[in-house]
Amino acid sequence: PAVLITGAQWGDEGKGRATDLLGSRVDYVV
């Protein structure tokens, strides 16, 4: 899959944290 993470509000929601949650299961972060 190609998976997308975005913020639902005005930013600062913790997107980096969500990215980190996927950890080693991801090959590329764009």
All heavy atoms as atom14 arrays in JSON, in Angstrom:
{
  "sequence": "PAVLITGAQWGDEGKGRATDLLGSRVDYVV",
  "atom14_mask": [
    [1, 1, 1, 1, 1, 1, 1, 0, 0, 0, 0, 0, 0, 0],
    [1, 1, 1, 1, 1, 0, 0, 0, 0, 0, 0, 0, 0, 0],
    [1, 1, 1, 1, 1, 1, 1, 0, 0, 0, 0, 0, 0, 0],
    [1, 1, 1, 1, 1, 1, 1, 1, 0, 0, 0, 0, 0, 0],
    [1, 1, 1, 1, 1, 1, 1, 1, 0, 0, 0, 0, 0, 0],
    [1, 1, 1, 1, 1, 1, 1, 0, 0, 0, 0, 0, 0, 0],
    [1, 1, 1, 1, 0, 0, 0, 0, 0, 0, 0, 0, 0, 0],
    [1, 1, 1, 1, 1, 0, 0, 0, 0, 0, 0, 0, 0, 0],
    [1, 1, 1, 1, 1, 1, 1, 1, 1, 0, 0, 0, 0, 0],
    [1, 1, 1, 1, 1, 1, 1, 1, 1, 1, 1, 1, 1, 1],
    [1, 1, 1, 1, 0, 0, 0, 0, 0, 0, 0, 0, 0, 0],
    [1, 1, 1, 1, 1, 1, 1, 1, 0, 0, 0, 0, 0, 0],
    [1, 1, 1, 1, 1, 1, 1, 1, 1, 0, 0, 0, 0, 0],
    [1, 1, 1, 1, 0, 0, 0, 0, 0, 0, 0, 0, 0, 0],
    [1, 1, 1, 1, 1, 1, 1, 1, 1, 0, 0, 0, 0, 0],
    [1, 1, 1, 1, 0, 0, 0, 0, 0, 0, 0, 0, 0, 0],
    [1, 1, 1, 1, 1, 1, 1, 1, 1, 1, 1, 0, 0, 0],
    [1, 1, 1, 1, 1, 0, 0, 0, 0, 0, 0, 0, 0, 0],
    [1, 1, 1, 1, 1, 1, 1, 0, 0, 0, 0, 0, 0, 0],
    [1, 1, 1, 1, 1, 1, 1, 1, 0, 0, 0, 0, 0, 0],
    [1, 1, 1, 1, 1, 1, 1, 1, 0, 0, 0, 0, 0, 0],
    [1, 1, 1, 1, 1, 1, 1, 1, 0, 0, 0, 0, 0, 0],
    [1, 1, 1, 1, 0, 0, 0, 0, 0, 0, 0, 0, 0, 0],
    [1, 1, 1, 1, 1, 1, 0, 0, 0, 0, 0, 0, 0, 0],
    [1, 1, 1, 1, 1, 1, 1, 1, 1, 1, 1, 0, 0, 0],
    [1, 1, 1, 1, 1, 1, 1, 0, 0, 0, 0, 0, 0, 0],
    [1, 1, 1, 1, 1, 1, 1, 1, 0, 0, 0, 0, 0, 0],
    [1, 1, 1, 1, 1, 1, 1, 1, 1, 1, 1, 1, 0, 0],
    [1, 1, 1, 1, 1, 1, 1, 0, 0, 0, 0, 0, 0, 0],
    [1, 1, 1, 1, 1, 1, 1, 0, 0, 0, 0, 0, 0, 0]
  ],
  "atom14_positions": [
    [[0.79, -1.23, 0.0], [0.0, 0.0, 0.0], [0.82, 1.28, 0.0], [1.98, 1.31, 0.4], [-0.78, -0.11, 1.34], [0.13, -0.91, 2.23], [0.81, -1.88, 1.32], [0.0, 0.0, 0.0], [0.0, 0.0, 0.0], [0.0, 0.0, 0.0], [0.0, 0.0, 0.0], [0.0, 0.0, 0.0], [0.0, 0.0, 0.0], [0.0, 0.0, 0.0]],
    [[0.16, 2.33, -0.48], [0.62, 3.69, -0.23], [-0.36, 4.28, 0.77], [-1.57, 4.26, 0.57], [0.64, 4.5, -1.51], [0.0, 0.0, 0.0], [0.0, 0.0, 0.0], [0.0, 0.0, 0.0], [0.0, 0.0, 0.0], [0.0, 0.0, 0.0], [0.0, 0.0, 0.0], [0.0, 0.0, 0.0], [0.0, 0.0, 0.0], [0.0, 0.0, 0.0]],
    [[0.17, 4.76, 1.88], [-0.64, 5.23, 3.0], [-0.36, 6.72, 3.19], [0.78, 7.16, 3.04], [-0.29, 4.46, 4.3], [-1.17, 4.9, 5.45], [-0.39, 2.95, 4.07], [0.0, 0.0, 0.0], [0.0, 0.0, 0.0], [0.0, 0.0, 0.0], [0.0, 0.0, 0.0], [0.0, 0.0, 0.0], [0.0, 0.0, 0.0], [0.0, 0.0, 0.0]],
    [[-1.39, 7.48, 3.5], [-1.23, 8.91, 3.7], [-1.62, 9.3, 5.12], [-2.62, 8.82, 5.65], [-2.08, 9.69, 2.69], [-1.96, 11.21, 2.78], [-1.85, 11.81, 1.4], [-3.14, 11.84, 3.5], [0.0, 0.0, 0.0], [0.0, 0.0, 0.0], [0.0, 0.0, 0.0], [0.0, 0.0, 0.0], [0.0, 0.0, 0.0], [0.0, 0.0, 0.0]],
    [[-0.83, 10.18, 5.72], [-1.15, 10.75, 7.02], [-1.29, 12.26, 6.87], [-0.4, 12.93, 6.34], [-0.07, 10.44, 8.07], [-0.09, 8.95, 8.44], [-0.29, 11.28, 9.33], [0.96, 8.55, 9.45], [0.0, 0.0, 0.0], [0.0, 0.0, 0.0], [0.0, 0.0, 0.0], [0.0, 0.0, 0.0], [0.0, 0.0, 0.0], [0.0, 0.0, 0.0]],
    [[-2.42, 12.78, 7.31], [-2.6, 14.23, 7.33], [-3.24, 14.63, 8.64], [-3.69, 13.79, 9.42], [-3.45, 14.72, 6.13], [-3.44, 16.15, 6.11], [-4.89, 14.23, 6.22], [0.0, 0.0, 0.0], [0.0, 0.0, 0.0], [0.0, 0.0, 0.0], [0.0, 0.0, 0.0], [0.0, 0.0, 0.0], [0.0, 0.0, 0.0], [0.0, 0.0, 0.0]],
    [[-3.29, 15.92, 8.89], [-3.93, 16.44, 10.1], [-5.37, 16.81, 9.81], [-5.68, 17.34, 8.73], [0.0, 0.0, 0.0], [0.0, 0.0, 0.0], [0.0, 0.0, 0.0], [0.0, 0.0, 0.0], [0.0, 0.0, 0.0], [0.0, 0.0, 0.0], [0.0, 0.0, 0.0], [0.0, 0.0, 0.0], [0.0, 0.0, 0.0], [0.0, 0.0, 0.0]],
    [[-6.25, 16.56, 10.77], [-7.67, 16.82, 10.56], [-8.07, 18.22, 10.99], [-9.17, 18.68, 10.65], [-8.51, 15.8, 11.34], [0.0, 0.0, 0.0], [0.0, 0.0, 0.0], [0.0, 0.0, 0.0], [0.0, 0.0, 0.0], [0.0, 0.0, 0.0], [0.0, 0.0, 0.0], [0.0, 0.0, 0.0], [0.0, 0.0, 0.0], [0.0, 0.0, 0.0]],
    [[-7.2, 18.93, 11.72], [-7.57, 20.24, 12.26], [-6.67, 21.31, 11.64], [-6.58, 21.39, 10.41], [-7.47, 20.18, 13.8], [-8.46, 19.15, 14.4], [-8.06, 18.67, 15.78], [-6.89, 18.45, 16.07], [-9.03, 18.43, 16.64], [0.0, 0.0, 0.0], [0.0, 0.0, 0.0], [0.0, 0.0, 0.0], [0.0, 0.0, 0.0], [0.0, 0.0, 0.0]],
    [[-6.04, 22.14, 12.48], [-5.18, 23.21, 11.97], [-3.69, 22.92, 12.17], [-2.88, 23.82, 12.23], [-5.53, 24.53, 12.65], [-6.76, 25.2, 12.11], [-6.85, 25.93, 10.95], [-8.06, 25.23, 12.68], [-8.13, 26.41, 10.79], [-8.89, 26.0, 11.84], [-8.61, 24.7, 13.86], [-10.24, 26.22, 12.12], [-9.95, 24.92, 14.12], [-10.75, 25.68, 13.26]],
    [[-3.34, 21.68, 12.26], [-1.95, 21.3, 12.46], [-1.62, 21.0, 13.9], [-2.46, 21.14, 14.81], [0.0, 0.0, 0.0], [0.0, 0.0, 0.0], [0.0, 0.0, 0.0], [0.0, 0.0, 0.0], [0.0, 0.0, 0.0], [0.0, 0.0, 0.0], [0.0, 0.0, 0.0], [0.0, 0.0, 0.0], [0.0, 0.0, 0.0], [0.0, 0.0, 0.0]],
    [[-0.41, 20.53, 14.15], [0.08, 20.2, 15.48], [-0.72, 19.07, 16.13], [-0.75, 18.95, 17.36], [0.06, 21.43, 16.41], [0.79, 22.62, 15.81], [1.94, 22.45, 15.42], [0.19, 23.71, 15.72], [0.0, 0.0, 0.0], [0.0, 0.0, 0.0], [0.0, 0.0, 0.0], [0.0, 0.0, 0.0], [0.0, 0.0, 0.0], [0.0, 0.0, 0.0]],
    [[-1.31, 18.2, 15.31], [-2.11, 17.11, 15.88], [-1.26, 15.93, 16.33], [-1.71, 15.09, 17.09], [-3.15, 16.6, 14.86], [-4.13, 17.64, 14.37], [-3.66, 18.29, 13.08], [-2.46, 18.11, 12.72], [-4.46, 18.95, 12.42], [0.0, 0.0, 0.0], [0.0, 0.0, 0.0], [0.0, 0.0, 0.0], [0.0, 0.0, 0.0], [0.0, 0.0, 0.0]],
    [[-0.03, 15.85, 15.86], [0.83, 14.72, 16.19], [1.07, 13.8, 15.02], [1.15, 12.59, 15.18], [0.0, 0.0, 0.0], [0.0, 0.0, 0.0], [0.0, 0.0, 0.0], [0.0, 0.0, 0.0], [0.0, 0.0, 0.0], [0.0, 0.0, 0.0], [0.0, 0.0, 0.0], [0.0, 0.0, 0.0], [0.0, 0.0, 0.0], [0.0, 0.0, 0.0]],
    [[1.19, 14.38, 13.79], [1.36, 13.56, 12.59], [2.67, 12.78, 12.63], [2.73, 11.63, 12.19], [1.29, 14.44, 11.35], [-0.06, 15.08, 11.13], [-0.11, 15.9, 9.87], [0.75, 17.14, 9.93], [0.3, 18.13, 10.96], [0.0, 0.0, 0.0], [0.0, 0.0, 0.0], [0.0, 0.0, 0.0], [0.0, 0.0, 0.0], [0.0, 0.0, 0.0]],
    [[3.72, 13.41, 13.15], [4.99, 12.71, 13.26], [4.88, 11.49, 14.15], [5.48, 10.45, 13.91], [0.0, 0.0, 0.0], [0.0, 0.0, 0.0], [0.0, 0.0, 0.0], [0.0, 0.0, 0.0], [0.0, 0.0, 0.0], [0.0, 0.0, 0.0], [0.0, 0.0, 0.0], [0.0, 0.0, 0.0], [0.0, 0.0, 0.0], [0.0, 0.0, 0.0]],
    [[4.09, 11.63, 15.19], [3.84, 10.52, 16.1], [3.13, 9.37, 15.38], [3.45, 8.21, 15.57], [2.97, 11.04, 17.26], [2.48, 10.03, 18.21], [3.6, 9.52, 19.1], [3.1, 8.44, 19.93], [2.35, 8.59, 20.99], [2.05, 9.81, 21.4], [1.94, 7.56, 21.68], [0.0, 0.0, 0.0], [0.0, 0.0, 0.0], [0.0, 0.0, 0.0]],
    [[2.14, 9.69, 14.56], [1.42, 8.66, 13.81], [2.35, 7.96, 12.82], [2.27, 6.74, 12.65], [0.23, 9.28, 13.08], [0.0, 0.0, 0.0], [0.0, 0.0, 0.0], [0.0, 0.0, 0.0], [0.0, 0.0, 0.0], [0.0, 0.0, 0.0], [0.0, 0.0, 0.0], [0.0, 0.0, 0.0], [0.0, 0.0, 0.0], [0.0, 0.0, 0.0]],
    [[3.21, 8.73, 12.18], [4.2, 8.16, 11.28], [5.1, 7.19, 12.03], [5.38, 6.08, 11.59], [5.06, 9.26, 10.64], [4.21, 10.24, 10.05], [6.0, 8.69, 9.6], [0.0, 0.0, 0.0], [0.0, 0.0, 0.0], [0.0, 0.0, 0.0], [0.0, 0.0, 0.0], [0.0, 0.0, 0.0], [0.0, 0.0, 0.0], [0.0, 0.0, 0.0]],
    [[5.53, 7.65, 13.19], [6.41, 6.83, 14.02], [5.73, 5.54, 14.44], [6.36, 4.5, 14.59], [6.83, 7.65, 15.24], [7.93, 6.99, 16.03], [8.98, 6.71, 15.44], [7.73, 6.74, 17.22], [0.0, 0.0, 0.0], [0.0, 0.0, 0.0], [0.0, 0.0, 0.0], [0.0, 0.0, 0.0], [0.0, 0.0, 0.0], [0.0, 0.0, 0.0]],
    [[4.41, 5.59, 14.63], [3.64, 4.43, 15.06], [3.74, 3.28, 14.06], [3.72, 2.11, 14.42], [2.17, 4.84, 15.26], [1.21, 3.82, 15.86], [1.62, 3.47, 17.27], [-0.22, 4.4, 15.85], [0.0, 0.0, 0.0], [0.0, 0.0, 0.0], [0.0, 0.0, 0.0], [0.0, 0.0, 0.0], [0.0, 0.0, 0.0], [0.0, 0.0, 0.0]],
    [[3.84, 3.64, 12.77], [3.94, 2.61, 11.74], [5.34, 2.01, 11.66], [5.51, 0.9, 11.17], [3.52, 3.2, 10.39], [2.06, 3.65, 10.32], [1.8, 4.45, 9.06], [1.12, 2.48, 10.4], [0.0, 0.0, 0.0], [0.0, 0.0, 0.0], [0.0, 0.0, 0.0], [0.0, 0.0, 0.0], [0.0, 0.0, 0.0], [0.0, 0.0, 0.0]],
    [[6.32, 2.78, 12.11], [7.68, 2.31, 12.31], [8.29, 1.52, 11.19], [8.29, 1.92, 10.03], [0.0, 0.0, 0.0], [0.0, 0.0, 0.0], [0.0, 0.0, 0.0], [0.0, 0.0, 0.0], [0.0, 0.0, 0.0], [0.0, 0.0, 0.0], [0.0, 0.0, 0.0], [0.0, 0.0, 0.0], [0.0, 0.0, 0.0], [0.0, 0.0, 0.0]],
    [[8.77, 0.34, 11.51], [9.54, -0.47, 10.59], [8.71, -1.1, 9.48], [9.25, -1.73, 8.58], [10.27, -1.57, 11.36], [9.32, -2.38, 12.06], [0.0, 0.0, 0.0], [0.0, 0.0, 0.0], [0.0, 0.0, 0.0], [0.0, 0.0, 0.0], [0.0, 0.0, 0.0], [0.0, 0.0, 0.0], [0.0, 0.0, 0.0], [0.0, 0.0, 0.0]],
    [[7.39, -0.94, 9.52], [6.52, -1.52, 8.49], [6.47, -0.66, 7.24], [5.86, -1.01, 6.26], [5.12, -1.71, 9.05], [5.07, -2.59, 10.3], [3.7, -2.58, 10.93], [2.72, -3.23, 10.09], [1.4, -3.17, 10.32], [0.94, -2.44, 11.31], [0.57, -3.8, 9.51], [0.0, 0.0, 0.0], [0.0, 0.0, 0.0], [0.0, 0.0, 0.0]],
    [[7.14, 0.47, 7.3], [7.14, 1.41, 6.19], [8.53, 1.45, 5.57], [9.54, 1.42, 6.26], [6.71, 2.81, 6.67], [6.9, 3.85, 5.58], [5.27, 2.8, 7.15], [0.0, 0.0, 0.0], [0.0, 0.0, 0.0], [0.0, 0.0, 0.0], [0.0, 0.0, 0.0], [0.0, 0.0, 0.0], [0.0, 0.0, 0.0], [0.0, 0.0, 0.0]],
    [[8.59, 1.51, 4.24], [9.87, 1.53, 3.54], [10.28, 2.94, 3.12], [11.47, 3.27, 3.09], [9.8, 0.63, 2.31], [9.48, -0.82, 2.67], [10.29, -1.43, 3.4], [8.42, -1.33, 2.25], [0.0, 0.0, 0.0], [0.0, 0.0, 0.0], [0.0, 0.0, 0.0], [0.0, 0.0, 0.0], [0.0, 0.0, 0.0], [0.0, 0.0, 0.0]],
    [[9.3, 3.77, 2.77], [9.55, 5.14, 2.33], [8.6, 6.08, 3.07], [7.42, 5.77, 3.23], [9.31, 5.3, 0.82], [10.3, 4.57, -0.06], [10.25, 3.19, -0.21], [11.3, 5.26, -0.74], [11.15, 2.51, -1.01], [12.22, 4.6, -1.54], [12.14, 3.23, -1.67], [13.05, 2.56, -2.45], [0.0, 0.0, 0.0], [0.0, 0.0, 0.0]],
    [[9.12, 7.22, 3.52], [8.27, 8.26, 4.09], [8.47, 9.52, 3.25], [9.59, 10.0, 3.09], [8.6, 8.54, 5.57], [7.79, 9.73, 6.08], [8.31, 7.32, 6.43], [0.0, 0.0, 0.0], [0.0, 0.0, 0.0], [0.0, 0.0, 0.0], [0.0, 0.0, 0.0], [0.0, 0.0, 0.0], [0.0, 0.0, 0.0], [0.0, 0.0, 0.0]],
    [[7.36, 10.04, 2.73], [7.41, 11.11, 1.74], [6.74, 12.37, 2.28], [5.58, 12.33, 2.7], [6.71, 10.69, 0.44], [6.85, 11.79, -0.62], [7.25, 9.36, -0.06], [0.0, 0.0, 0.0], [0.0, 0.0, 0.0], [0.0, 0.0, 0.0], [0.0, 0.0, 0.0], [0.0, 0.0, 0.0], [0.0, 0.0, 0.0], [0.0, 0.0, 0.0]]
  ]
}
